[in-house]
Protein backbone atom coordinates (compact mmCIF):
# COMPACT_ATOMS: atom_id res chain seq x y z
CA MET A 1 29.05 16.70 74.30
CA ALA A 2 30.60 13.72 72.57
CA ASP A 3 32.79 14.16 69.52
CA ARG A 4 31.04 12.67 66.48
CA GLN A 5 32.85 10.65 63.82
CA ASP A 6 31.85 8.11 61.20
CA VAL A 7 34.64 5.70 62.10
CA VAL A 8 36.74 5.33 65.24
CA ILE A 9 39.85 3.16 64.89
CA ILE A 10 41.61 2.11 68.09
CA GLY A 11 45.24 1.36 67.29
CA ALA A 12 47.70 3.33 65.13
CA GLY A 13 49.68 0.34 63.88
CA ALA A 14 49.97 -1.08 60.38
CA ALA A 15 46.41 -2.43 60.15
CA GLY A 16 44.79 0.58 61.84
CA MET A 17 46.50 3.13 59.64
CA MET A 18 45.72 1.21 56.45
CA CYS A 19 42.06 0.96 57.47
CA ALA A 20 41.96 4.69 58.22
CA ILE A 21 43.40 5.54 54.81
CA GLU A 22 40.82 3.49 52.93
CA ALA A 23 37.87 4.68 55.02
CA GLY A 24 39.03 8.28 54.68
CA LYS A 25 39.31 7.95 50.90
CA ARG A 26 35.63 7.00 50.87
CA GLY A 27 34.73 10.31 52.47
CA ARG A 28 34.24 8.98 55.99
CA ARG A 29 35.10 11.14 58.98
CA VAL A 30 37.77 9.00 60.61
CA VAL A 31 39.74 9.32 63.85
CA VAL A 32 42.54 7.00 64.94
CA VAL A 33 43.33 6.90 68.65
CA ASP A 34 46.28 5.20 70.34
CA HIS A 35 47.79 5.27 73.82
CA ALA A 36 51.31 5.39 72.36
CA LYS A 37 53.12 8.66 71.77
CA ALA A 38 54.12 7.69 68.22
CA PRO A 39 52.34 5.71 65.50
CA GLY A 40 53.58 2.47 63.96
CA GLU A 41 56.10 1.50 66.62
CA LYS A 42 56.21 -2.18 65.54
CA ILE A 43 56.77 -0.97 61.98
CA ARG A 44 59.70 1.14 63.19
CA ILE A 45 61.56 -1.74 64.85
CA SER A 46 60.74 -4.40 62.26
CA GLY A 47 63.29 -5.92 59.92
CA GLY A 48 66.22 -4.56 61.86
CA GLY A 49 64.88 -1.05 61.33
CA ARG A 50 64.27 -1.52 57.60
CA CYS A 51 60.76 -3.02 57.77
CA ASN A 52 60.15 -6.32 56.03
CA PHE A 53 56.93 -4.77 54.70
CA THR A 54 55.60 -7.70 52.64
CA ASN A 55 56.49 -10.96 50.95
CA ILE A 56 55.96 -11.45 47.22
CA HIS A 57 54.95 -15.08 47.83
CA ALA A 58 52.20 -14.29 50.36
CA SER A 59 49.25 -16.65 49.98
CA PRO A 60 46.78 -18.34 52.36
CA LYS A 61 49.18 -21.29 52.82
CA ASN A 62 51.58 -18.97 54.66
CA PHE A 63 49.14 -18.33 57.51
CA LEU A 64 48.02 -20.25 60.60
CA SER A 65 44.41 -20.15 61.79
CA ASP A 66 41.77 -22.46 63.21
CA ASN A 67 39.80 -21.41 60.12
CA PRO A 68 42.44 -21.50 57.34
CA HIS A 69 40.07 -20.36 54.58
CA PHE A 70 39.17 -17.09 56.32
CA CYS A 71 42.20 -15.08 55.14
CA LYS A 72 41.68 -15.85 51.45
CA SER A 73 39.25 -13.02 50.70
CA ALA A 74 41.29 -10.20 52.24
CA LEU A 75 44.58 -11.44 50.79
CA ALA A 76 43.02 -11.61 47.33
CA ARG A 77 41.56 -8.11 47.60
CA TYR A 78 44.82 -6.45 48.63
CA THR A 79 47.96 -8.16 47.35
CA PRO A 80 51.70 -7.63 47.86
CA ARG A 81 51.76 -5.93 44.45
CA ASP A 82 49.18 -3.41 45.66
CA PHE A 83 51.39 -2.44 48.59
CA ILE A 84 54.52 -2.35 46.44
CA ASP A 85 52.72 0.07 44.11
CA LEU A 86 51.92 2.30 47.10
CA VAL A 87 55.54 2.20 48.26
CA GLU A 88 56.79 3.08 44.78
CA ARG A 89 54.32 5.95 44.40
CA HIS A 90 55.97 7.49 47.45
CA GLY A 91 59.45 7.01 45.99
CA ILE A 92 60.58 4.56 48.68
CA ALA A 93 63.47 2.42 47.47
CA TRP A 94 63.26 -1.25 48.37
CA HIS A 95 64.99 -4.55 47.77
CA GLU A 96 64.24 -8.26 47.93
CA LYS A 97 66.17 -10.46 50.31
CA THR A 98 65.85 -14.23 50.53
CA LEU A 99 62.57 -16.10 50.18
CA GLY A 100 60.60 -13.17 48.73
CA GLN A 101 61.10 -10.83 51.67
CA LEU A 102 60.94 -7.12 50.77
CA PHE A 103 62.72 -4.44 52.81
CA CYS A 104 63.20 -0.68 52.62
CA ASP A 105 66.63 0.32 51.34
CA ASP A 106 66.82 3.09 53.92
CA SER A 107 64.55 2.99 56.95
CA ALA A 108 61.28 1.59 58.29
CA LYS A 109 60.40 5.18 59.11
CA ASP A 110 59.80 5.68 55.37
CA ILE A 111 56.81 3.33 55.62
CA ILE A 112 55.45 5.19 58.65
CA ARG A 113 55.82 8.55 56.90
CA MET A 114 54.09 7.14 53.83
CA LEU A 115 51.11 5.95 55.88
CA LEU A 116 50.88 9.25 57.76
CA THR A 117 50.95 11.16 54.47
CA GLU A 118 48.18 8.96 53.06
CA MET A 119 46.12 9.45 56.23
CA ARG A 120 46.53 13.22 56.07
CA ASP A 121 45.57 13.32 52.41
CA ALA A 122 42.47 11.25 53.23
CA GLY A 123 41.46 13.69 55.97
CA VAL A 124 42.05 11.26 58.83
CA ALA A 125 42.52 12.64 62.35
CA LEU A 126 45.25 11.01 64.46
CA ARG A 127 45.14 11.37 68.24
CA LEU A 128 48.08 9.90 70.14
CA GLY A 129 48.75 9.52 73.86
CA ILE A 130 45.05 8.85 74.49
CA SER A 131 43.85 5.89 76.53
CA VAL A 132 40.51 4.16 76.00
CA ALA A 133 38.59 3.36 79.18
CA SER A 134 35.57 1.62 77.70
CA VAL A 135 33.43 1.03 74.62
CA GLU A 136 29.65 0.70 74.58
CA ARG A 137 26.82 0.29 72.11
CA THR A 138 24.52 3.23 71.42
CA PRO A 139 21.35 3.52 69.32
CA THR A 140 23.42 4.95 66.46
CA GLY A 141 26.58 2.86 66.82
CA PHE A 142 29.26 3.06 69.50
CA ARG A 143 30.60 5.37 72.17
CA THR A 144 34.34 5.17 72.87
CA MET A 145 35.25 6.67 76.25
CA THR A 146 38.76 8.12 76.03
CA SER A 147 40.98 10.08 78.40
CA GLU A 148 40.04 13.17 76.38
CA GLY A 149 36.30 12.54 76.39
CA PRO A 150 33.74 10.39 74.56
CA ILE A 151 33.68 9.82 70.81
CA ASP A 152 30.50 8.60 69.12
CA SER A 153 30.72 6.75 65.83
CA ALA A 154 28.69 4.55 63.52
CA ALA A 155 31.62 2.14 63.12
CA LEU A 156 34.32 1.00 65.52
CA VAL A 157 37.49 -0.77 64.37
CA ILE A 158 39.75 -2.58 66.84
CA ALA A 159 43.33 -2.66 65.58
CA THR A 160 45.29 -2.91 68.82
CA GLY A 161 47.30 -6.02 67.97
CA GLY A 162 48.07 -8.95 70.23
CA LYS A 163 50.15 -9.51 73.36
CA SER A 164 53.59 -9.69 71.74
CA ILE A 165 56.33 -7.26 72.88
CA PRO A 166 54.53 -5.80 75.94
CA LYS A 167 57.37 -3.32 76.55
CA MET A 168 56.04 -1.49 73.49
CA GLY A 169 52.60 -1.23 75.04
CA ALA A 170 51.01 -4.44 73.75
CA THR A 171 48.01 -5.60 75.80
CA GLY A 172 45.06 -7.94 75.47
CA PHE A 173 42.72 -4.97 74.89
CA ALA A 174 41.20 -6.39 71.70
CA TYR A 175 40.34 -9.68 73.37
CA GLY A 176 38.55 -7.88 76.20
CA ILE A 177 36.44 -5.92 73.71
CA ALA A 178 35.62 -9.12 71.80
CA GLU A 179 34.45 -10.88 74.96
CA GLU A 180 32.43 -7.84 75.99
CA PHE A 181 30.49 -8.05 72.71
CA GLY A 182 30.13 -11.83 72.83
CA LEU A 183 32.74 -12.84 70.25
CA PRO A 184 34.59 -16.10 70.98
CA LEU A 185 38.37 -16.32 71.23
CA VAL A 186 40.89 -18.91 70.08
CA GLU A 187 43.51 -19.60 72.77
CA THR A 188 46.44 -17.22 72.41
CA ARG A 189 50.13 -18.08 72.69
CA PRO A 190 53.44 -16.55 71.59
CA GLY A 191 54.48 -17.10 67.97
CA LEU A 192 57.71 -16.53 66.02
CA VAL A 193 59.59 -16.78 69.30
CA PRO A 194 62.91 -18.29 70.46
CA LEU A 195 62.66 -21.62 72.27
CA THR A 196 64.20 -22.28 75.68
CA LEU A 197 65.87 -25.43 77.04
CA ASP A 198 65.88 -26.99 80.49
CA PRO A 199 68.95 -26.21 82.65
CA GLY A 200 70.58 -29.61 82.19
CA LEU A 201 70.43 -29.55 78.40
CA LEU A 202 71.38 -25.89 78.34
CA GLU A 203 74.49 -26.64 80.39
CA SER A 204 75.57 -29.33 77.92
CA LEU A 205 75.18 -26.87 75.04
CA LYS A 206 76.62 -23.77 76.71
CA ASP A 207 79.78 -23.78 74.58
CA LEU A 208 77.63 -23.48 71.43
CA ALA A 209 76.05 -20.12 72.33
CA GLY A 210 76.46 -17.76 69.37
CA VAL A 211 76.95 -20.52 66.80
CA ALA A 212 74.81 -20.21 63.66
CA VAL A 213 74.30 -22.85 60.97
CA ASP A 214 71.93 -23.62 58.10
CA ALA A 215 69.32 -26.10 59.29
CA GLU A 216 65.98 -27.69 58.68
CA ALA A 217 63.77 -27.48 61.78
CA LYS A 218 60.83 -29.87 61.94
CA SER A 219 57.89 -30.18 64.33
CA GLY A 220 55.17 -32.65 63.47
CA LYS A 221 54.76 -32.58 59.69
CA THR A 222 56.01 -29.01 59.28
CA THR A 223 59.58 -28.19 58.25
CA PHE A 224 61.39 -24.89 57.71
CA ARG A 225 64.89 -24.48 56.34
CA GLU A 226 66.71 -21.33 57.36
CA ALA A 227 69.46 -20.33 59.77
CA LEU A 228 69.61 -21.82 63.28
CA LEU A 229 71.21 -19.84 66.11
CA MET A 230 72.29 -21.34 69.43
CA THR A 231 71.83 -18.89 72.32
CA HIS A 232 72.54 -18.77 76.04
CA ARG A 233 68.82 -19.48 76.60
CA GLY A 234 68.26 -22.13 73.92
CA LEU A 235 67.41 -22.04 70.22
CA SER A 236 66.73 -19.09 67.92
CA GLY A 237 67.29 -17.96 64.35
CA PRO A 238 64.74 -17.88 61.51
CA SER A 239 64.22 -21.66 61.31
CA ILE A 240 63.39 -21.83 65.02
CA LEU A 241 61.17 -18.74 65.00
CA GLN A 242 59.24 -20.30 62.12
CA ILE A 243 58.83 -23.71 63.74
CA SER A 244 57.92 -22.18 67.12
CA SER A 245 54.47 -21.32 65.75
CA PHE A 246 53.85 -25.02 65.11
CA TRP A 247 55.62 -26.51 68.14
CA ARG A 248 53.65 -27.31 71.30
CA GLU A 249 55.04 -27.88 74.79
CA GLY A 250 56.05 -31.48 75.34
CA GLY A 251 56.92 -31.96 71.69
CA ASP A 252 60.30 -32.43 70.04
CA VAL A 253 62.05 -30.33 67.43
CA HIS A 254 64.05 -32.32 64.88
CA LEU A 255 67.06 -30.52 63.44
CA HIS A 256 68.81 -31.47 60.21
CA LEU A 257 71.98 -29.42 60.10
CA LEU A 258 73.60 -28.48 56.79
CA PRO A 259 70.88 -30.20 54.75
CA GLU A 260 72.48 -29.19 51.43
CA ILE A 261 75.68 -31.13 52.20
CA ASP A 262 76.21 -34.89 51.93
CA LEU A 263 78.32 -35.06 55.08
CA LEU A 264 78.97 -38.79 54.86
CA ALA A 265 80.34 -38.47 51.34
CA ALA A 266 82.44 -35.48 52.39
CA LEU A 267 83.97 -37.35 55.35
CA LYS A 268 84.69 -40.44 53.26
CA THR A 269 86.43 -38.25 50.68
CA ALA A 270 88.46 -36.58 53.44
CA ARG A 271 89.45 -40.02 54.76
CA LYS A 272 90.76 -41.01 51.34
CA VAL A 273 92.75 -37.79 50.96
CA ASN A 274 94.22 -37.73 54.48
CA GLY A 275 93.26 -40.55 56.80
CA ARG A 276 95.46 -39.20 59.58
CA GLN A 277 93.28 -36.12 59.84
CA ALA A 278 91.15 -35.96 63.01
CA ALA A 279 87.43 -36.48 62.50
CA GLN A 280 86.79 -33.19 64.25
CA THR A 281 89.11 -31.32 61.88
CA ALA A 282 87.42 -32.81 58.82
CA LEU A 283 83.97 -32.03 60.17
CA ALA A 284 85.01 -28.46 61.00
CA GLU A 285 85.58 -27.89 57.28
CA GLN A 286 81.82 -28.30 56.82
CA MET A 287 80.43 -26.57 59.93
CA PRO A 288 81.47 -24.17 62.71
CA LYS A 289 84.40 -25.52 64.73
CA ARG A 290 82.58 -25.57 68.06
CA LEU A 291 79.66 -27.46 66.54
CA ALA A 292 82.01 -30.02 64.99
CA GLN A 293 83.69 -30.55 68.35
CA PHE A 294 80.30 -31.00 70.03
CA PHE A 295 79.11 -33.72 67.65
CA VAL A 296 82.41 -35.58 67.59
CA GLU A 297 82.51 -35.67 71.38
CA LYS A 298 78.81 -36.59 71.53
CA SER A 299 79.55 -39.57 69.27
CA GLY A 300 82.56 -40.65 71.35
CA LEU A 301 84.97 -39.97 68.50
CA ALA A 302 87.13 -37.28 70.08
CA HIS A 303 90.81 -37.50 69.09
CA ARG A 304 90.05 -40.29 66.60
CA SER A 305 91.52 -40.06 63.11
CA LEU A 306 89.43 -40.66 60.03
CA ALA A 307 91.47 -43.75 59.20
CA ASP A 308 90.39 -45.28 62.52
CA LEU A 309 86.70 -44.86 61.70
CA SER A 310 84.62 -47.35 59.76
CA ASP A 311 81.87 -46.37 57.36
CA LYS A 312 79.41 -47.37 60.09
CA ALA A 313 81.02 -45.03 62.63
CA LEU A 314 81.03 -42.13 60.16
CA ASP A 315 77.40 -42.83 59.27
CA ALA A 316 76.41 -42.80 62.97
CA LEU A 317 78.14 -39.43 63.36
CA CYS A 318 76.24 -38.03 60.36
CA ILE A 319 72.90 -39.42 61.54
CA GLY A 320 73.30 -37.46 64.78
CA ILE A 321 73.81 -34.30 62.75
CA ARG A 322 70.98 -34.77 60.30
CA ASP A 323 68.47 -35.85 62.97
CA TRP A 324 69.41 -33.97 66.11
CA THR A 325 66.34 -34.24 68.32
CA ILE A 326 65.79 -31.62 71.03
CA ARG A 327 62.84 -31.20 73.37
CA PRO A 328 62.45 -27.51 74.26
CA ALA A 329 61.30 -26.61 77.76
CA GLY A 330 59.22 -23.68 76.51
CA SER A 331 59.58 -20.36 74.74
CA GLU A 332 60.79 -16.90 75.68
CA GLY A 333 57.13 -15.83 75.72
CA TYR A 334 55.45 -12.63 74.64
CA ARG A 335 58.48 -10.60 75.74
CA THR A 336 60.34 -11.48 72.55
CA ALA A 337 57.59 -13.06 70.41
CA GLU A 338 57.08 -11.26 67.12
CA VAL A 339 53.39 -12.19 66.94
CA THR A 340 50.50 -13.62 68.91
CA LEU A 341 48.92 -16.85 67.71
CA GLY A 342 45.17 -17.26 68.16
CA GLY A 343 42.89 -14.36 69.01
CA ILE A 344 39.46 -13.30 67.78
CA ASP A 345 37.73 -16.39 66.39
CA THR A 346 37.35 -15.74 62.66
CA ARG A 347 34.07 -17.66 62.54
CA ALA A 348 32.55 -14.65 64.25
CA LEU A 349 33.77 -12.29 61.51
CA ASP A 350 32.80 -11.67 57.89
CA SER A 351 35.86 -12.54 55.80
CA ARG A 352 35.16 -9.84 53.20
CA SER A 353 34.84 -6.93 55.63
CA MET A 354 36.29 -8.13 58.97
CA GLN A 355 33.00 -7.04 60.58
CA ALA A 356 31.57 -8.96 63.53
CA ARG A 357 28.66 -11.00 62.18
CA ASP A 358 26.41 -10.36 65.18
CA VAL A 359 27.55 -6.81 65.98
CA PRO A 360 27.06 -4.56 62.93
CA GLY A 361 29.61 -1.75 62.77
CA LEU A 362 32.23 -3.53 64.90
CA PHE A 363 35.43 -4.62 63.11
CA PHE A 364 38.59 -6.47 64.17
CA ILE A 365 41.75 -6.37 62.04
CA GLY A 366 45.41 -7.25 62.11
CA GLU A 367 47.20 -9.33 64.71
CA CYS A 368 44.32 -9.52 67.19
CA VAL A 369 42.46 -11.80 64.76
CA ASP A 370 43.19 -15.56 64.65
CA VAL A 371 45.31 -15.26 61.49
CA THR A 372 49.08 -15.47 61.96
CA GLY A 373 51.66 -15.38 59.20
CA TRP A 374 55.04 -17.01 58.84
CA LEU A 375 58.18 -15.02 59.47
CA GLY A 376 59.22 -12.87 56.51
CA GLY A 377 56.75 -10.05 55.82
CA TYR A 378 53.57 -12.14 55.87
CA ASN A 379 52.13 -10.56 59.00
CA PHE A 380 52.50 -7.08 57.56
CA GLN A 381 50.70 -8.25 54.43
CA TRP A 382 47.85 -9.50 56.64
CA ALA A 383 47.76 -6.09 58.36
CA TRP A 384 47.54 -4.26 55.02
CA ALA A 385 44.95 -6.68 53.60
CA SER A 386 42.68 -6.89 56.65
CA GLY A 387 42.94 -3.12 57.18
CA TYR A 388 42.08 -2.48 53.55
CA SER A 389 39.04 -4.79 53.72
CA ALA A 390 37.66 -3.13 56.84
CA GLY A 391 38.41 0.33 55.45
CA GLN A 392 36.30 -0.48 52.39
CA ALA A 393 33.33 -1.36 54.58
CA ALA A 394 33.43 0.74 57.76
């Protein structure tokens, strides 16, 4: 005999747990199943273990999708303030970092405990360490075949995420279910991911590994200004993770280092004060020493004093710093990507409920949907909002 529930949710991550809470509050019999041994593993590791759980500036403009209007309804129905209220009701202390990013004062585990408490209070059943073999339509809804037997339900919610961080169990499960029920997919690729360089370029930059600097990173018409980190594989840091979602293979990334500083004016002033000073020494007062050495040598100005350099020479040096063009070879892939771009085509879903238009009772939420946020708490806000919307309808 099959177990009978009103709602089966596959995936005990941020979106799945939020959906379960809201459906349970409405009196639905809800079960959440997951192959992992613990719930909310991506929550646990996020934000350096403190969970960047939302962003106060979250709005549709902070999300990528082939259908950019789709996310508006869910984001309007469940806002960052709604989640902050939930966090505060549970007595979880939090703080704002840069750019509207909110983090727990203590631990990301506080958010997981909060969600588990809400699920328990809503009467939700959580079954972990259970694999799902298949899903099929029935006259009354769906049958989910699990390693512990079949579960029949009127509604089925897929909240299994994307392909990012496979070592934590990420798979393309959601995409397989979508295809099985005839829903189209938008091509998937890694997002919020470090970029790699070809061996020749990497060799020329090897001495810069570990250097961090404030930078604007631009790809196409999109620009982000945050920290840039040089690594032994290529480029990383928040500005690069952000721009990686917009960059495509074969394209360039334009870097403007230290955008808040007028380097030319600073070098001219240094020349007036002490013209015997080496250009590299003067530049190192504005940026990390190794980076200054790299650009001075790149410009052919090694061992030259400021007094020996014309305004034109100084300007050429500064141009190389404010428009440093690099062509990445690729990215580090899903192994280190924080999110998956693309996914379930939103044109096949109802934006108010996340329900498949042609398959009543079937819902897709969270990262598996073609809605991807910027770095900085936006993807969690999408998880809460899409989970809430589905939980109100399932």
